[in-house]
Amino acid sequence: MSELVKIAFEQKVLILPITELLPTKALPAGVRETVKYRRIAASVAEVGLIEPLSIARQKNGSYLLLDGHMRLDALRSLGTAEAPCVVADDDESFTYNKRVNRLATIQEHYMIVRALDRGVPEEKLARALNVDVKVIRQRRHLLAGICPDVAELLKDKPVGHHAFQKLRKMKPIRQLEVAELMVSANNYTVSYAKALLATSKPADLHKPDELKKATGLSAEQMARLEREMAAVSEDYKELEASYGDDMLVLVVASGFIERLLSKPEIEGFLARRHPEFLENFRSIVQATSLDQSIST
């Protein structure tokens, strides 16, 4: 039977004076001019502090701030006297925000739609997110013209708003093909979406004549571009299919080579007789070790 997981924080939320909270770091110069800080400050000013500050209790009765330095600074700038806090069991500098996945574009869309459906005014939501009201209206209709299967596939992906504008010009089948290519390539930029749009067949588009005018390419150039893009996509799919097996073989071979090189007699023999082999073997072991450390 597995052991129970211990809660890292006290379950009671404390309301503490801001003056009792001791920051563990100073905010970098210019951070108040960043989009992230302005959005936090706008949210705190409009709806208050949603996520309590993370603190650790000190022996002298004060509290060490572990996470929430920008939120604390925003509260101070507003003249707020107290803040809700959760007390951690230790004073580790690790914060759970480092492991939080940021809100994806489609998830933000659902959040905005839900807030508007519950009666939150567009103006208030815009102030809380520090954006223009027009942006709220655009994001409210983000999935208009988007295939439901595509929305499901990209719901947790960092797809930009402009990329959805390119997808909207395609018919559902092509939208799904492009979305799968974006996921396979792990590329969700508007430039990639624009390139895939440019290589789409006229039959896969809602208004193919507009695309021809936008690209300025002739029918022959478009056909060649489509063939090249199809070939690249096919090569990528084949590479993706064989990547797992190739990586497994590489790891096994690298482990065997590493064991061989751990023996001084073998390493010495290669250094004397075949130094070029030894250099290549070391490169393989080093590259595989680096790849594994990055993945973990």
Protein backbone atom coordinates (compact mmCIF):
# COMPACT_ATOMS: atom_id res chain seq x y z
CA MET A 1 0.00 0.00 0.00
CA SER A 2 1.40 3.38 -1.01
CA GLU A 3 2.18 6.00 1.62
CA LEU A 4 -0.13 8.97 2.08
CA VAL A 5 0.99 12.21 0.47
CA LYS A 6 1.64 14.92 3.03
CA ILE A 7 0.06 18.33 2.47
CA ALA A 8 2.79 20.93 2.01
CA PHE A 9 0.75 23.82 3.41
CA GLU A 10 -1.38 24.48 6.47
CA GLN A 11 -5.03 24.22 5.48
CA LYS A 12 -6.10 27.47 7.14
CA VAL A 13 -5.69 30.71 5.17
CA LEU A 14 -4.31 33.53 7.31
CA ILE A 15 -5.05 37.22 6.83
CA LEU A 16 -1.81 38.98 7.77
CA PRO A 17 -0.54 42.56 7.75
CA ILE A 18 1.68 43.19 4.75
CA THR A 19 4.30 44.73 7.02
CA GLU A 20 4.92 41.32 8.62
CA LEU A 21 5.84 39.68 5.31
CA LEU A 22 9.56 39.56 4.54
CA PRO A 23 10.38 39.17 0.81
CA THR A 24 13.07 36.65 -0.08
CA LYS A 25 14.17 38.57 -3.18
CA ALA A 26 13.97 42.01 -4.75
CA LEU A 27 11.97 42.54 -7.91
CA PRO A 28 14.20 43.01 -10.97
CA ALA A 29 14.59 46.50 -12.35
CA GLY A 30 11.91 47.34 -14.88
CA VAL A 31 9.60 44.50 -13.87
CA ARG A 32 6.76 46.95 -13.23
CA GLU A 33 6.80 47.83 -16.92
CA THR A 34 6.30 44.25 -18.09
CA VAL A 35 3.01 42.93 -19.44
CA LYS A 36 2.93 40.21 -16.77
CA TYR A 37 3.23 42.68 -13.89
CA ARG A 38 0.67 45.08 -15.36
CA ARG A 39 -1.79 42.23 -15.79
CA ILE A 40 -1.28 41.07 -12.20
CA ALA A 41 -1.67 44.63 -10.90
CA ALA A 42 -4.83 45.15 -12.94
CA SER A 43 -6.33 41.87 -11.71
CA VAL A 44 -5.51 42.65 -8.07
CA ALA A 45 -7.00 46.14 -8.38
CA GLU A 46 -10.18 44.91 -10.06
CA VAL A 47 -11.03 41.61 -8.38
CA GLY A 48 -8.60 41.39 -5.47
CA LEU A 49 -6.06 38.69 -4.68
CA ILE A 50 -7.27 35.36 -6.09
CA GLU A 51 -4.30 33.17 -5.14
CA PRO A 52 -3.01 33.63 -1.55
CA LEU A 53 0.62 34.43 -0.98
CA SER A 54 2.88 31.51 0.03
CA ILE A 55 4.78 32.15 3.25
CA ALA A 56 6.86 30.33 5.88
CA ARG A 57 6.57 31.01 9.59
CA GLN A 58 9.80 32.20 11.27
CA LYS A 59 10.85 31.65 14.88
CA ASN A 60 10.76 35.37 15.68
CA GLY A 61 7.09 35.57 14.72
CA SER A 62 7.59 37.13 11.30
CA TYR A 63 6.77 35.45 7.98
CA LEU A 64 9.06 34.77 5.03
CA LEU A 65 7.47 35.31 1.61
CA LEU A 66 8.14 32.30 -0.62
CA ASP A 67 5.94 33.04 -3.61
CA GLY A 68 3.95 36.07 -4.73
CA HIS A 69 6.45 38.93 -4.80
CA MET A 70 4.77 40.72 -7.70
CA ARG A 71 1.34 40.27 -6.11
CA LEU A 72 2.70 41.69 -2.85
CA ASP A 73 4.20 44.66 -4.65
CA ALA A 74 0.89 45.29 -6.42
CA LEU A 75 -0.95 45.19 -3.08
CA ARG A 76 1.50 47.67 -1.59
CA SER A 77 1.09 50.06 -4.51
CA LEU A 78 -2.68 49.97 -3.93
CA GLY A 79 -2.22 50.79 -0.26
CA THR A 80 -3.63 47.46 0.91
CA ALA A 81 -2.88 46.72 4.57
CA GLU A 82 -3.52 42.95 4.72
CA ALA A 83 -3.24 39.93 2.43
CA PRO A 84 -4.47 36.31 2.53
CA CYS A 85 -1.61 33.84 2.95
CA VAL A 86 -1.05 30.09 3.12
CA VAL A 87 1.71 28.86 5.43
CA ALA A 88 4.17 26.30 4.06
CA ASP A 89 5.61 23.59 6.29
CA ASP A 90 9.17 24.66 5.48
CA ASP A 91 10.99 27.62 4.02
CA GLU A 92 12.13 26.01 0.79
CA SER A 93 12.50 28.53 -2.00
CA PHE A 94 10.83 26.08 -4.42
CA THR A 95 7.40 27.33 -5.38
CA TYR A 96 4.65 25.41 -7.08
CA ASN A 97 4.17 28.17 -9.64
CA LYS A 98 7.30 26.85 -11.33
CA ARG A 99 5.34 23.69 -12.22
CA VAL A 100 2.08 25.35 -13.19
CA ASN A 101 1.08 25.16 -16.84
CA ARG A 102 0.07 28.59 -18.03
CA LEU A 103 -3.41 29.19 -19.36
CA ALA A 104 -3.72 28.07 -22.98
CA THR A 105 -5.52 30.24 -25.53
CA ILE A 106 -8.60 28.02 -25.79
CA GLN A 107 -8.81 27.68 -22.00
CA GLU A 108 -8.69 31.47 -21.74
CA HIS A 109 -11.52 31.61 -24.28
CA TYR A 110 -13.64 29.25 -22.18
CA MET A 111 -12.88 31.31 -19.07
CA ILE A 112 -13.97 34.53 -20.77
CA VAL A 113 -17.16 32.96 -22.15
CA ARG A 114 -18.04 31.53 -18.73
CA ALA A 115 -17.45 34.86 -17.01
CA LEU A 116 -19.57 36.72 -19.55
CA ASP A 117 -22.35 34.13 -19.29
CA ARG A 118 -22.40 34.69 -15.52
CA GLY A 119 -22.98 38.37 -15.99
CA VAL A 120 -19.49 39.83 -15.65
CA PRO A 121 -19.39 43.02 -17.79
CA GLU A 122 -16.94 43.08 -20.68
CA GLU A 123 -15.40 46.30 -19.34
CA LYS A 124 -14.68 44.78 -15.92
CA LEU A 125 -13.18 41.65 -17.46
CA ALA A 126 -11.00 43.80 -19.73
CA ARG A 127 -9.74 45.79 -16.75
CA ALA A 128 -8.98 42.60 -14.80
CA LEU A 129 -6.96 41.18 -17.71
CA ASN A 130 -5.43 44.56 -18.58
CA VAL A 131 -6.60 44.42 -22.20
CA ASP A 132 -8.90 46.44 -24.42
CA VAL A 133 -12.60 45.59 -24.58
CA LYS A 134 -12.16 44.76 -28.29
CA VAL A 135 -9.71 42.01 -27.31
CA ILE A 136 -12.29 40.48 -24.96
CA ARG A 137 -14.84 40.44 -27.80
CA GLN A 138 -12.36 38.85 -30.18
CA ARG A 139 -11.37 36.16 -27.71
CA ARG A 140 -15.00 35.47 -26.91
CA HIS A 141 -15.51 34.37 -30.51
CA LEU A 142 -12.14 32.64 -30.82
CA LEU A 143 -13.61 29.28 -31.86
CA ALA A 144 -16.14 30.65 -34.34
CA GLY A 145 -15.57 28.69 -37.55
CA ILE A 146 -13.19 26.24 -35.86
CA CYS A 147 -13.91 22.52 -36.10
CA PRO A 148 -14.81 21.00 -32.67
CA ASP A 149 -12.21 18.24 -33.16
CA VAL A 150 -9.55 20.89 -33.75
CA ALA A 151 -10.62 22.78 -30.61
CA GLU A 152 -10.33 19.56 -28.61
CA LEU A 153 -6.91 18.76 -30.08
CA LEU A 154 -5.51 22.24 -29.36
CA LYS A 155 -7.31 22.94 -26.09
CA ASP A 156 -4.13 22.79 -23.98
CA LYS A 157 -1.65 23.98 -26.61
CA PRO A 158 -0.02 27.45 -26.77
CA VAL A 159 -1.65 28.43 -30.03
CA GLY A 160 -1.71 32.17 -30.69
CA HIS A 161 -4.89 34.05 -31.51
CA HIS A 162 -3.63 34.93 -35.00
CA ALA A 163 -3.04 31.26 -35.77
CA PHE A 164 -6.76 30.62 -35.29
CA GLN A 165 -7.45 33.31 -37.87
CA LYS A 166 -5.48 31.24 -40.38
CA LEU A 167 -7.25 28.03 -39.37
CA ARG A 168 -10.62 29.71 -39.81
CA LYS A 169 -9.93 30.16 -43.52
CA MET A 170 -9.71 26.40 -44.00
CA LYS A 171 -12.43 23.80 -44.23
CA PRO A 172 -12.82 21.39 -41.27
CA ILE A 173 -10.86 18.50 -42.80
CA ARG A 174 -7.90 20.73 -43.61
CA GLN A 175 -8.12 22.39 -40.20
CA LEU A 176 -7.71 19.00 -38.56
CA GLU A 177 -4.77 18.10 -40.81
CA VAL A 178 -3.02 21.38 -39.99
CA ALA A 179 -3.72 21.01 -36.26
CA GLU A 180 -2.20 17.52 -36.28
CA LEU A 181 0.88 18.83 -38.10
CA MET A 182 1.25 21.62 -35.54
CA VAL A 183 1.06 19.12 -32.69
CA SER A 184 3.50 16.72 -34.37
CA ALA A 185 6.01 19.49 -35.03
CA ASN A 186 5.33 21.14 -31.67
CA ASN A 187 5.10 24.41 -33.59
CA TYR A 188 2.09 26.62 -32.87
CA THR A 189 3.32 29.90 -34.31
CA VAL A 190 1.30 32.03 -36.69
CA SER A 191 4.13 31.78 -39.24
CA TYR A 192 3.80 27.99 -39.34
CA ALA A 193 0.02 28.23 -39.61
CA LYS A 194 0.40 30.77 -42.41
CA ALA A 195 2.80 28.47 -44.27
CA LEU A 196 0.38 25.54 -43.97
CA LEU A 197 -2.44 27.78 -45.15
CA ALA A 198 -0.41 28.83 -48.20
CA THR A 199 0.18 25.19 -49.14
CA SER A 200 -3.47 24.20 -48.81
CA LYS A 201 -5.35 23.13 -51.90
CA PRO A 202 -8.06 25.49 -53.16
CA ALA A 203 -10.67 22.81 -52.49
CA ASP A 204 -9.69 22.86 -48.79
CA LEU A 205 -10.30 26.59 -48.38
CA HIS A 206 -13.45 28.63 -47.94
CA LYS A 207 -12.22 31.44 -50.19
CA PRO A 208 -9.31 30.21 -52.34
CA ASP A 209 -9.26 33.36 -54.49
CA GLU A 210 -8.36 35.49 -51.45
CA LEU A 211 -5.40 33.24 -50.69
CA LYS A 212 -4.09 33.57 -54.24
CA LYS A 213 -4.21 37.36 -53.99
CA ALA A 214 -2.56 37.33 -50.56
CA THR A 215 0.37 35.12 -51.56
CA GLY A 216 0.91 36.58 -55.04
CA LEU A 217 1.91 33.13 -56.33
CA SER A 218 0.94 31.68 -59.65
CA ALA A 219 -0.97 28.41 -59.97
CA GLU A 220 2.22 26.60 -60.97
CA GLN A 221 4.15 28.00 -58.01
CA MET A 222 1.36 27.08 -55.63
CA ALA A 223 1.25 23.52 -57.00
CA ARG A 224 5.01 23.13 -56.57
CA LEU A 225 4.82 24.52 -53.05
CA GLU A 226 2.02 22.08 -52.22
CA ARG A 227 4.06 19.13 -53.51
CA GLU A 228 7.13 20.17 -51.54
CA MET A 229 5.14 20.71 -48.36
CA ALA A 230 3.42 17.33 -48.77
CA ALA A 231 6.81 15.64 -49.21
CA VAL A 232 8.21 17.38 -46.11
CA SER A 233 5.15 16.39 -44.07
CA GLU A 234 5.45 12.77 -45.19
CA ASP A 235 9.15 12.67 -44.31
CA TYR A 236 8.40 14.19 -40.91
CA LYS A 237 5.72 11.59 -40.17
CA GLU A 238 8.10 8.76 -41.11
CA LEU A 239 10.81 10.27 -38.90
CA GLU A 240 8.36 10.66 -36.03
CA ALA A 241 7.26 7.04 -36.37
CA SER A 242 10.83 5.71 -36.22
CA TYR A 243 12.15 8.16 -33.62
CA GLY A 244 11.18 6.07 -30.60
CA ASP A 245 12.84 2.90 -31.89
CA ASP A 246 15.95 4.77 -33.02
CA MET A 247 16.26 6.50 -29.66
CA LEU A 248 15.94 3.18 -27.80
CA VAL A 249 18.68 1.61 -29.92
CA LEU A 250 20.89 4.67 -29.35
CA VAL A 251 20.44 4.56 -25.57
CA VAL A 252 21.22 0.83 -25.41
CA ALA A 253 24.26 1.23 -27.65
CA SER A 254 25.45 4.23 -25.67
CA GLY A 255 25.17 2.28 -22.42
CA PHE A 256 27.22 -0.55 -23.88
CA ILE A 257 29.90 1.86 -25.14
CA GLU A 258 30.01 3.62 -21.78
CA ARG A 259 30.64 0.30 -20.02
CA LEU A 260 33.42 -0.50 -22.47
CA LEU A 261 35.10 2.86 -21.96
CA SER A 262 34.93 2.40 -18.19
CA LYS A 263 37.55 -0.33 -18.56
CA PRO A 264 41.05 1.28 -18.61
CA GLU A 265 42.50 -1.50 -20.80
CA ILE A 266 39.95 -0.98 -23.58
CA GLU A 267 40.12 2.82 -23.39
CA GLY A 268 43.93 2.69 -23.49
CA PHE A 269 43.93 0.35 -26.49
CA LEU A 270 41.56 2.63 -28.42
CA ALA A 271 43.60 5.70 -27.48
CA ARG A 272 46.77 4.09 -28.87
CA ARG A 273 45.42 2.28 -31.92
CA HIS A 274 42.17 3.98 -32.89
CA PRO A 275 41.92 7.48 -31.36
CA GLU A 276 39.29 8.51 -33.92
CA PHE A 277 36.99 5.70 -32.71
CA LEU A 278 37.54 6.71 -29.10
CA GLU A 279 36.61 10.31 -29.85
CA ASN A 280 33.41 9.25 -31.63
CA PHE A 281 32.46 6.85 -28.83
CA ARG A 282 32.89 9.59 -26.24
CA SER A 283 30.77 11.96 -28.33
CA ILE A 284 27.95 9.38 -28.50
CA VAL A 285 27.99 8.81 -24.75
CA GLN A 286 28.11 12.52 -23.99
CA ALA A 287 25.30 13.38 -26.43
CA THR A 288 23.01 10.65 -25.05
CA SER A 289 23.71 11.63 -21.44
CA LEU A 290 22.94 15.27 -22.24
CA ASP A 291 19.70 14.36 -24.00
CA GLN A 292 18.55 12.27 -21.04
CA SER A 293 19.37 15.02 -18.53
CA ILE A 294 17.36 17.56 -20.56
CA SER A 295 14.33 15.28 -20.83
CA THR A 296 14.21 14.76 -17.07
